[in-house]
């Protein structure tokens, strides 16, 4: 077989440092677009991205040559630098050190896309920590 055919979908979540509500509606869409563009540097594509003022969810197709850790480390570093460079906030922005990453079965793909796209409605009913517990 001469060519590999790998489809790995990852649902990652990461939070702002100290869970501060710093992702403001005034720049949220620009942040999401910045993150999408940076995933392309790793030959990976964002399928869905959304979040709340203190965290974001990203569903992405991970290229077979990349590791989750290296991609997320770069994305978090580049995006926090970009937010600070753009001076969207009066205080310094930073992400929390860790992240969550879950592989998604293809038959759950649409369900996860809907979940991410409806973050604001979903989190009006349930906290991020309860969500992560339910995913285990």
C-alpha atoms as a PDB file:
ATOM      1  CA  UNK A   1       0.000   0.000   0.000  1.00  0.00           C
ATOM      2  CA  UNK A   2       1.651   3.201  -1.157  1.00  0.00           C
ATOM      3  CA  UNK A   3      -0.454   5.831   0.587  1.00  0.00           C
ATOM      4  CA  UNK A   4      -1.695   6.150   4.147  1.00  0.00           C
ATOM      5  CA  UNK A   5      -5.307   7.036   4.842  1.00  0.00           C
ATOM      6  CA  UNK A   6      -5.650   8.314   8.415  1.00  0.00           C
ATOM      7  CA  UNK A   7      -8.644  10.194   9.811  1.00  0.00           C
ATOM      8  CA  UNK A   8      -8.247  11.224  13.440  1.00  0.00           C
ATOM      9  CA  UNK A   9     -10.670  13.734  14.907  1.00  0.00           C
ATOM     10  CA  UNK A  10      -9.727  15.341  18.228  1.00  0.00           C
ATOM     11  CA  UNK A  11     -11.921  17.416  20.513  1.00  0.00           C
ATOM     12  CA  UNK A  12      -9.668  19.672  22.611  1.00  0.00           C
ATOM     13  CA  UNK A  13     -10.601  22.073  25.364  1.00  0.00           C
ATOM     14  CA  UNK A  14      -8.387  24.557  27.155  1.00  0.00           C
ATOM     15  CA  UNK A  15      -9.050  27.336  29.612  1.00  0.00           C
ATOM     16  CA  UNK A  16      -7.783  30.800  30.349  1.00  0.00           C
ATOM     17  CA  UNK A  17      -5.318  31.111  33.230  1.00  0.00           C
ATOM     18  CA  UNK A  18      -7.195  31.025  36.537  1.00  0.00           C
ATOM     19  CA  UNK A  19     -10.393  30.562  34.482  1.00  0.00           C
ATOM     20  CA  UNK A  20     -10.670  34.335  34.109  1.00  0.00           C
ATOM     21  CA  UNK A  21     -13.440  35.357  31.667  1.00  0.00           C
ATOM     22  CA  UNK A  22     -11.091  37.110  29.249  1.00  0.00           C
ATOM     23  CA  UNK A  23     -12.314  35.901  25.858  1.00  0.00           C
ATOM     24  CA  UNK A  24     -14.556  38.835  25.056  1.00  0.00           C
ATOM     25  CA  UNK A  25     -17.244  38.957  22.364  1.00  0.00           C
ATOM     26  CA  UNK A  26     -15.408  41.937  20.849  1.00  0.00           C
ATOM     27  CA  UNK A  27     -12.536  39.725  19.633  1.00  0.00           C
ATOM     28  CA  UNK A  28     -13.808  36.155  20.018  1.00  0.00           C
ATOM     29  CA  UNK A  29     -14.462  35.558  16.290  1.00  0.00           C
ATOM     30  CA  UNK A  30     -11.067  36.976  15.324  1.00  0.00           C
ATOM     31  CA  UNK A  31      -9.428  34.668  17.885  1.00  0.00           C
ATOM     32  CA  UNK A  32     -11.241  31.656  16.459  1.00  0.00           C
ATOM     33  CA  UNK A  33     -10.167  32.584  12.929  1.00  0.00           C
ATOM     34  CA  UNK A  34      -6.556  33.047  14.106  1.00  0.00           C
ATOM     35  CA  UNK A  35      -6.622  29.581  15.684  1.00  0.00           C
ATOM     36  CA  UNK A  36      -8.107  28.009  12.525  1.00  0.00           C
ATOM     37  CA  UNK A  37      -5.358  29.535  10.393  1.00  0.00           C
ATOM     38  CA  UNK A  38      -2.650  28.292  12.747  1.00  0.00           C
ATOM     39  CA  UNK A  39      -3.940  24.710  12.682  1.00  0.00           C
ATOM     40  CA  UNK A  40      -3.322  24.793   8.924  1.00  0.00           C
ATOM     41  CA  UNK A  41       0.407  25.237   9.634  1.00  0.00           C
ATOM     42  CA  UNK A  42       0.275  21.659  10.928  1.00  0.00           C
ATOM     43  CA  UNK A  43      -1.706  20.348   7.938  1.00  0.00           C
ATOM     44  CA  UNK A  44      -4.653  20.010  10.314  1.00  0.00           C
ATOM     45  CA  UNK A  45      -8.110  21.472   9.835  1.00  0.00           C
ATOM     46  CA  UNK A  46     -10.541  22.885  12.360  1.00  0.00           C
ATOM     47  CA  UNK A  47     -14.021  21.455  11.912  1.00  0.00           C
ATOM     48  CA  UNK A  48     -15.701  23.412  14.731  1.00  0.00           C
ATOM     49  CA  UNK A  49     -14.543  26.022  17.230  1.00  0.00           C
ATOM     50  CA  UNK A  50     -16.451  27.898  19.902  1.00  0.00           C
ATOM     51  CA  UNK A  51     -16.293  28.644  23.561  1.00  0.00           C
ATOM     52  CA  UNK A  52     -17.077  30.730  26.556  1.00  0.00           C
ATOM     53  CA  UNK A  53     -15.253  33.687  28.121  1.00  0.00           C
ATOM     54  CA  UNK A  54     -13.020  31.299  30.108  1.00  0.00           C
ATOM     55  CA  UNK A  55     -12.420  28.365  27.717  1.00  0.00           C
ATOM     56  CA  UNK A  56     -12.613  27.155  24.139  1.00  0.00           C
ATOM     57  CA  UNK A  57     -13.528  23.904  22.395  1.00  0.00           C
ATOM     58  CA  UNK A  58     -11.929  22.888  19.105  1.00  0.00           C
ATOM     59  CA  UNK A  59     -12.783  19.862  16.991  1.00  0.00           C
ATOM     60  CA  UNK A  60     -10.054  19.274  14.456  1.00  0.00           C
ATOM     61  CA  UNK A  61      -8.705  16.724  12.085  1.00  0.00           C
ATOM     62  CA  UNK A  62      -5.163  15.917  13.222  1.00  0.00           C
ATOM     63  CA  UNK A  63      -2.675  15.188  10.464  1.00  0.00           C
ATOM     64  CA  UNK A  64      -0.978  11.819  10.892  1.00  0.00           C
ATOM     65  CA  UNK A  65       2.492  13.378  11.113  1.00  0.00           C
ATOM     66  CA  UNK A  66       1.593  15.617  14.079  1.00  0.00           C
ATOM     67  CA  UNK A  67       1.225  15.064  17.807  1.00  0.00           C
ATOM     68  CA  UNK A  68      -1.598  16.539  19.848  1.00  0.00           C
ATOM     69  CA  UNK A  69       0.853  17.971  22.382  1.00  0.00           C
ATOM     70  CA  UNK A  70       2.989  19.831  19.833  1.00  0.00           C
ATOM     71  CA  UNK A  71      -0.003  21.267  17.971  1.00  0.00           C
ATOM     72  CA  UNK A  72      -1.813  22.452  21.108  1.00  0.00           C
ATOM     73  CA  UNK A  73       1.369  23.888  22.616  1.00  0.00           C
ATOM     74  CA  UNK A  74       1.960  25.950  19.482  1.00  0.00           C
ATOM     75  CA  UNK A  75      -1.682  27.054  19.122  1.00  0.00           C
ATOM     76  CA  UNK A  76      -1.931  28.158  22.745  1.00  0.00           C
ATOM     77  CA  UNK A  77       1.392  30.008  22.636  1.00  0.00           C
ATOM     78  CA  UNK A  78       0.735  31.735  19.327  1.00  0.00           C
ATOM     79  CA  UNK A  79      -2.816  32.738  20.248  1.00  0.00           C
ATOM     80  CA  UNK A  80      -1.916  34.159  23.670  1.00  0.00           C
ATOM     81  CA  UNK A  81       0.936  36.137  22.081  1.00  0.00           C
ATOM     82  CA  UNK A  82      -1.448  37.395  19.382  1.00  0.00           C
ATOM     83  CA  UNK A  83      -4.131  38.450  21.890  1.00  0.00           C
ATOM     84  CA  UNK A  84      -1.549  40.415  23.879  1.00  0.00           C
ATOM     85  CA  UNK A  85      -0.012  41.924  20.747  1.00  0.00           C
ATOM     86  CA  UNK A  86      -3.445  43.097  19.555  1.00  0.00           C
ATOM     87  CA  UNK A  87      -4.049  44.765  22.950  1.00  0.00           C
ATOM     88  CA  UNK A  88      -7.604  43.462  23.189  1.00  0.00           C
ATOM     89  CA  UNK A  89      -7.358  43.487  26.990  1.00  0.00           C
ATOM     90  CA  UNK A  90      -6.023  45.838  29.638  1.00  0.00           C
ATOM     91  CA  UNK A  91      -4.350  42.891  31.402  1.00  0.00           C
ATOM     92  CA  UNK A  92      -2.011  40.202  30.159  1.00  0.00           C
ATOM     93  CA  UNK A  93      -3.740  37.200  28.610  1.00  0.00           C
ATOM     94  CA  UNK A  94      -2.547  33.629  29.176  1.00  0.00           C
ATOM     95  CA  UNK A  95      -3.932  30.129  28.825  1.00  0.00           C
ATOM     96  CA  UNK A  96      -3.913  27.604  31.676  1.00  0.00           C
ATOM     97  CA  UNK A  97      -1.064  25.103  31.422  1.00  0.00           C
ATOM     98  CA  UNK A  98      -3.058  21.984  30.590  1.00  0.00           C
ATOM     99  CA  UNK A  99      -5.719  20.929  28.123  1.00  0.00           C
ATOM    100  CA  UNK A 100      -8.151  18.123  27.421  1.00  0.00           C
ATOM    101  CA  UNK A 101      -7.998  16.075  24.220  1.00  0.00           C
ATOM    102  CA  UNK A 102     -10.452  13.348  23.294  1.00  0.00           C
ATOM    103  CA  UNK A 103     -10.528  11.282  20.125  1.00  0.00           C
ATOM    104  CA  UNK A 104     -13.902  11.291  18.427  1.00  0.00           C
ATOM    105  CA  UNK A 105     -15.492   8.323  16.704  1.00  0.00           C
ATOM    106  CA  UNK A 106     -16.673   9.138  13.227  1.00  0.00           C
ATOM    107  CA  UNK A 107     -20.269   8.190  14.082  1.00  0.00           C
ATOM    108  CA  UNK A 108     -20.250  10.850  16.880  1.00  0.00           C
ATOM    109  CA  UNK A 109     -18.806  13.532  14.619  1.00  0.00           C
ATOM    110  CA  UNK A 110     -22.030  15.503  13.994  1.00  0.00           C
ATOM    111  CA  UNK A 111     -23.021  15.308  17.662  1.00  0.00           C
ATOM    112  CA  UNK A 112     -19.714  16.887  18.707  1.00  0.00           C
ATOM    113  CA  UNK A 113     -19.977  19.593  16.023  1.00  0.00           C
ATOM    114  CA  UNK A 114     -23.453  20.495  17.338  1.00  0.00           C
ATOM    115  CA  UNK A 115     -22.205  20.469  20.925  1.00  0.00           C
ATOM    116  CA  UNK A 116     -19.343  22.862  20.090  1.00  0.00           C
ATOM    117  CA  UNK A 117     -21.462  25.147  17.927  1.00  0.00           C
ATOM    118  CA  UNK A 118     -24.009  25.500  20.755  1.00  0.00           C
ATOM    119  CA  UNK A 119     -21.561  26.194  23.588  1.00  0.00           C
ATOM    120  CA  UNK A 120     -23.263  29.291  24.913  1.00  0.00           C
ATOM    121  CA  UNK A 121     -26.636  27.573  25.207  1.00  0.00           C
ATOM    122  CA  UNK A 122     -25.096  24.397  26.610  1.00  0.00           C
ATOM    123  CA  UNK A 123     -23.035  26.141  29.291  1.00  0.00           C
ATOM    124  CA  UNK A 124     -26.000  28.154  30.469  1.00  0.00           C
ATOM    125  CA  UNK A 125     -27.215  24.784  31.813  1.00  0.00           C
ATOM    126  CA  UNK A 126     -24.001  22.911  32.688  1.00  0.00           C
ATOM    127  CA  UNK A 127     -20.472  23.798  33.808  1.00  0.00           C
ATOM    128  CA  UNK A 128     -17.290  22.879  31.941  1.00  0.00           C
ATOM    129  CA  UNK A 129     -16.146  20.624  34.801  1.00  0.00           C
ATOM    130  CA  UNK A 130     -19.434  18.695  34.792  1.00  0.00           C
ATOM    131  CA  UNK A 131     -19.094  18.316  31.020  1.00  0.00           C
ATOM    132  CA  UNK A 132     -15.589  16.907  31.278  1.00  0.00           C
ATOM    133  CA  UNK A 133     -16.700  14.467  33.987  1.00  0.00           C
ATOM    134  CA  UNK A 134     -19.542  13.275  31.755  1.00  0.00           C
ATOM    135  CA  UNK A 135     -17.138  12.660  28.874  1.00  0.00           C
ATOM    136  CA  UNK A 136     -15.080  10.167  30.934  1.00  0.00           C
END
